[in-house]
């Protein structure tokens, strides 16, 4: 069992770059890039909140009515 980050796919779906997420969420660049490359070992709850909030802000700007949540950043896999 492990956590797998799906942030890269979510950003692609929103047509948003990692850099745009870094700037708008104010989460450290290395933190975002580690998630995108599945290298993250731990995450601050505040960072997760900022990322999800920012994904929803991007969606709202684009007219997407869907609400993004933690599962759009990482998922649990039971292997």
N, C-alpha and C. Protein backbone atom coordinates (compact mmCIF):
# COMPACT_ATOMS: atom_id res chain seq x y z
N UNK A 1 0.83 -1.18 0.00
CA UNK A 1 0.00 0.00 0.00
C UNK A 1 0.88 1.24 0.00
N UNK A 2 0.41 2.25 -0.72
CA UNK A 2 1.17 3.48 -0.79
C UNK A 2 0.30 4.60 -1.33
N UNK A 3 0.78 5.79 -1.18
CA UNK A 3 0.12 6.96 -1.74
C UNK A 3 0.79 7.24 -3.09
N UNK A 4 -0.04 7.56 -4.08
CA UNK A 4 0.49 7.93 -5.39
C UNK A 4 -0.05 9.31 -5.73
N UNK A 5 0.84 10.17 -6.14
CA UNK A 5 0.44 11.53 -6.48
C UNK A 5 -0.06 11.59 -7.92
N UNK A 6 -1.22 12.21 -8.09
CA UNK A 6 -1.85 12.36 -9.40
C UNK A 6 -1.98 13.84 -9.77
N UNK A 7 -1.21 14.66 -9.09
CA UNK A 7 -1.26 16.10 -9.33
C UNK A 7 -0.92 16.45 -10.77
N UNK A 8 0.05 15.76 -11.34
CA UNK A 8 0.45 16.04 -12.73
C UNK A 8 -0.74 15.89 -13.67
N UNK A 9 -1.50 14.81 -13.52
CA UNK A 9 -2.66 14.56 -14.37
C UNK A 9 -3.74 15.63 -14.16
N UNK A 10 -3.93 16.02 -12.91
CA UNK A 10 -4.93 17.05 -12.60
C UNK A 10 -4.55 18.37 -13.24
N UNK A 11 -3.28 18.73 -13.16
CA UNK A 11 -2.83 19.98 -13.78
C UNK A 11 -3.00 19.91 -15.29
N UNK A 12 -2.72 18.76 -15.89
CA UNK A 12 -2.91 18.60 -17.33
C UNK A 12 -4.39 18.77 -17.70
N UNK A 13 -5.28 18.19 -16.89
CA UNK A 13 -6.72 18.33 -17.14
C UNK A 13 -7.16 19.78 -17.08
N UNK A 14 -6.55 20.56 -16.19
CA UNK A 14 -6.89 21.97 -16.05
C UNK A 14 -6.11 22.86 -17.02
N UNK A 15 -5.16 22.26 -17.73
CA UNK A 15 -4.27 23.03 -18.62
C UNK A 15 -3.54 24.13 -17.83
N UNK A 16 -3.01 23.73 -16.68
CA UNK A 16 -2.29 24.63 -15.78
C UNK A 16 -0.88 24.07 -15.60
N UNK A 17 0.11 24.93 -15.62
CA UNK A 17 1.48 24.48 -15.44
C UNK A 17 1.82 24.38 -13.95
N UNK A 18 2.85 23.61 -13.67
CA UNK A 18 3.33 23.50 -12.29
C UNK A 18 3.76 24.88 -11.79
N UNK A 19 4.38 25.65 -12.65
CA UNK A 19 4.83 26.99 -12.26
C UNK A 19 3.64 27.87 -11.87
N UNK A 20 2.55 27.80 -12.63
CA UNK A 20 1.36 28.58 -12.27
C UNK A 20 0.83 28.17 -10.91
N UNK A 21 0.84 26.87 -10.63
CA UNK A 21 0.39 26.37 -9.32
C UNK A 21 1.30 26.87 -8.21
N UNK A 22 2.60 26.84 -8.43
CA UNK A 22 3.55 27.32 -7.43
C UNK A 22 3.28 28.78 -7.09
N UNK A 23 3.13 29.60 -8.12
CA UNK A 23 2.95 31.04 -7.92
C UNK A 23 1.64 31.32 -7.18
N UNK A 24 0.56 30.72 -7.64
CA UNK A 24 -0.75 31.04 -7.07
C UNK A 24 -0.98 30.40 -5.70
N UNK A 25 -0.45 29.20 -5.49
CA UNK A 25 -0.67 28.51 -4.21
C UNK A 25 0.30 28.94 -3.13
N UNK A 26 1.43 29.52 -3.55
CA UNK A 26 2.50 29.91 -2.63
C UNK A 26 3.10 28.71 -1.88
N UNK A 27 3.04 27.54 -2.52
CA UNK A 27 3.70 26.35 -2.01
C UNK A 27 5.07 26.27 -2.69
N UNK A 28 6.07 25.88 -1.94
CA UNK A 28 7.44 25.82 -2.47
C UNK A 28 7.51 25.03 -3.78
N UNK A 29 8.32 25.53 -4.69
CA UNK A 29 8.50 24.89 -6.00
C UNK A 29 8.92 23.43 -5.84
N UNK A 30 9.88 23.16 -4.98
CA UNK A 30 10.37 21.79 -4.80
C UNK A 30 9.27 20.86 -4.31
N UNK A 31 8.39 21.37 -3.46
CA UNK A 31 7.28 20.57 -2.95
C UNK A 31 6.36 20.15 -4.09
N UNK A 32 5.99 21.10 -4.94
CA UNK A 32 5.11 20.82 -6.07
C UNK A 32 5.78 19.86 -7.05
N UNK A 33 7.02 20.12 -7.40
CA UNK A 33 7.72 19.27 -8.37
C UNK A 33 7.95 17.86 -7.83
N UNK A 34 8.21 17.74 -6.53
CA UNK A 34 8.34 16.40 -5.94
C UNK A 34 7.02 15.63 -6.06
N UNK A 35 5.90 16.31 -5.85
CA UNK A 35 4.59 15.65 -6.00
C UNK A 35 4.38 15.21 -7.45
N UNK A 36 4.69 16.08 -8.37
CA UNK A 36 4.49 15.77 -9.78
C UNK A 36 5.32 14.56 -10.20
N UNK A 37 6.49 14.40 -9.62
CA UNK A 37 7.38 13.30 -9.97
C UNK A 37 7.31 12.14 -8.98
N UNK A 38 6.28 12.16 -8.12
CA UNK A 38 6.04 11.09 -7.15
C UNK A 38 7.24 10.83 -6.24
N UNK A 39 7.91 11.88 -5.82
CA UNK A 39 9.07 11.76 -4.94
C UNK A 39 8.76 12.24 -3.52
N UNK A 40 7.55 12.67 -3.27
CA UNK A 40 7.17 13.22 -1.97
C UNK A 40 7.10 12.12 -0.92
N UNK A 41 7.71 12.35 0.22
CA UNK A 41 7.67 11.40 1.33
C UNK A 41 6.68 11.84 2.41
N UNK A 42 6.44 13.14 2.50
CA UNK A 42 5.48 13.66 3.48
C UNK A 42 4.98 15.00 2.96
N UNK A 43 3.84 15.41 3.49
CA UNK A 43 3.27 16.68 3.05
C UNK A 43 2.63 17.39 4.23
N UNK A 44 2.80 18.68 4.27
CA UNK A 44 2.18 19.51 5.29
C UNK A 44 0.70 19.65 4.96
N UNK A 45 -0.14 19.57 5.97
CA UNK A 45 -1.58 19.70 5.77
C UNK A 45 -1.91 21.07 5.18
N UNK A 46 -1.24 22.11 5.62
CA UNK A 46 -1.48 23.45 5.08
C UNK A 46 -1.16 23.50 3.59
N UNK A 47 -0.09 22.84 3.18
CA UNK A 47 0.26 22.81 1.76
C UNK A 47 -0.83 22.11 0.95
N UNK A 48 -1.33 20.99 1.46
CA UNK A 48 -2.38 20.27 0.75
C UNK A 48 -3.61 21.16 0.61
N UNK A 49 -3.96 21.84 1.67
CA UNK A 49 -5.09 22.76 1.62
C UNK A 49 -4.89 23.87 0.60
N UNK A 50 -3.70 24.43 0.56
CA UNK A 50 -3.41 25.49 -0.41
C UNK A 50 -3.47 24.98 -1.84
N UNK A 51 -3.00 23.78 -2.07
CA UNK A 51 -3.02 23.21 -3.41
C UNK A 51 -4.46 22.96 -3.86
N UNK A 52 -5.26 22.33 -3.02
CA UNK A 52 -6.65 22.04 -3.37
C UNK A 52 -7.43 23.35 -3.58
N UNK A 53 -7.24 24.31 -2.71
CA UNK A 53 -7.90 25.61 -2.86
C UNK A 53 -7.54 26.24 -4.19
N UNK A 54 -6.26 26.19 -4.54
CA UNK A 54 -5.79 26.79 -5.78
C UNK A 54 -6.32 26.05 -7.00
N UNK A 55 -6.38 24.73 -6.95
CA UNK A 55 -6.97 23.96 -8.05
C UNK A 55 -8.41 24.41 -8.29
N UNK A 56 -9.15 24.62 -7.20
CA UNK A 56 -10.53 25.07 -7.32
C UNK A 56 -10.62 26.50 -7.86
N UNK A 57 -9.65 27.34 -7.53
CA UNK A 57 -9.63 28.70 -8.09
C UNK A 57 -9.39 28.65 -9.59
N UNK A 58 -8.46 27.80 -10.03
CA UNK A 58 -8.20 27.66 -11.48
C UNK A 58 -9.46 27.14 -12.17
N UNK A 59 -10.13 26.17 -11.56
CA UNK A 59 -11.35 25.62 -12.16
C UNK A 59 -12.42 26.70 -12.28
N UNK A 60 -12.58 27.49 -11.25
CA UNK A 60 -13.60 28.55 -11.28
C UNK A 60 -13.30 29.55 -12.40
N UNK A 61 -12.05 29.94 -12.54
CA UNK A 61 -11.65 30.88 -13.60
C UNK A 61 -11.99 30.31 -14.97
N UNK A 62 -11.84 28.99 -15.11
CA UNK A 62 -12.09 28.33 -16.39
C UNK A 62 -13.56 27.96 -16.59
N UNK A 63 -14.39 28.25 -15.61
CA UNK A 63 -15.81 27.93 -15.72
C UNK A 63 -16.13 26.47 -15.47
N UNK A 64 -15.22 25.77 -14.82
CA UNK A 64 -15.43 24.36 -14.48
C UNK A 64 -16.16 24.30 -13.15
N UNK A 65 -17.29 23.62 -13.11
CA UNK A 65 -18.12 23.58 -11.91
C UNK A 65 -17.70 22.48 -10.93
N UNK A 66 -16.87 21.59 -11.37
CA UNK A 66 -16.40 20.48 -10.53
C UNK A 66 -15.59 21.00 -9.35
N UNK A 67 -15.75 20.35 -8.19
CA UNK A 67 -14.96 20.68 -7.00
C UNK A 67 -13.80 19.70 -6.91
N UNK A 68 -12.59 20.23 -6.82
CA UNK A 68 -11.40 19.40 -6.66
C UNK A 68 -11.17 19.14 -5.18
N UNK A 69 -10.55 17.99 -4.87
CA UNK A 69 -10.27 17.63 -3.48
C UNK A 69 -8.94 16.89 -3.40
N UNK A 70 -8.66 16.33 -2.25
CA UNK A 70 -7.37 15.67 -2.01
C UNK A 70 -7.11 14.55 -3.01
N UNK A 71 -8.15 13.84 -3.44
CA UNK A 71 -7.98 12.74 -4.38
C UNK A 71 -7.53 13.23 -5.76
N UNK A 72 -7.59 14.51 -6.00
CA UNK A 72 -7.08 15.07 -7.24
C UNK A 72 -5.60 15.42 -7.13
N UNK A 73 -5.05 15.23 -5.94
CA UNK A 73 -3.63 15.47 -5.69
C UNK A 73 -2.92 14.15 -5.42
N UNK A 74 -3.52 13.30 -4.59
CA UNK A 74 -2.92 12.00 -4.29
C UNK A 74 -4.01 10.99 -4.01
N UNK A 75 -3.69 9.73 -4.31
CA UNK A 75 -4.63 8.64 -4.06
C UNK A 75 -3.92 7.51 -3.32
N UNK A 76 -4.71 6.73 -2.63
CA UNK A 76 -4.21 5.57 -1.90
C UNK A 76 -4.30 4.35 -2.80
N UNK A 77 -3.22 3.60 -2.91
CA UNK A 77 -3.21 2.36 -3.68
C UNK A 77 -2.88 1.21 -2.75
N UNK A 78 -3.70 0.18 -2.79
CA UNK A 78 -3.48 -1.02 -1.99
C UNK A 78 -2.94 -2.10 -2.89
N UNK A 79 -1.63 -2.31 -2.84
CA UNK A 79 -0.99 -3.30 -3.74
C UNK A 79 -0.83 -4.62 -3.06
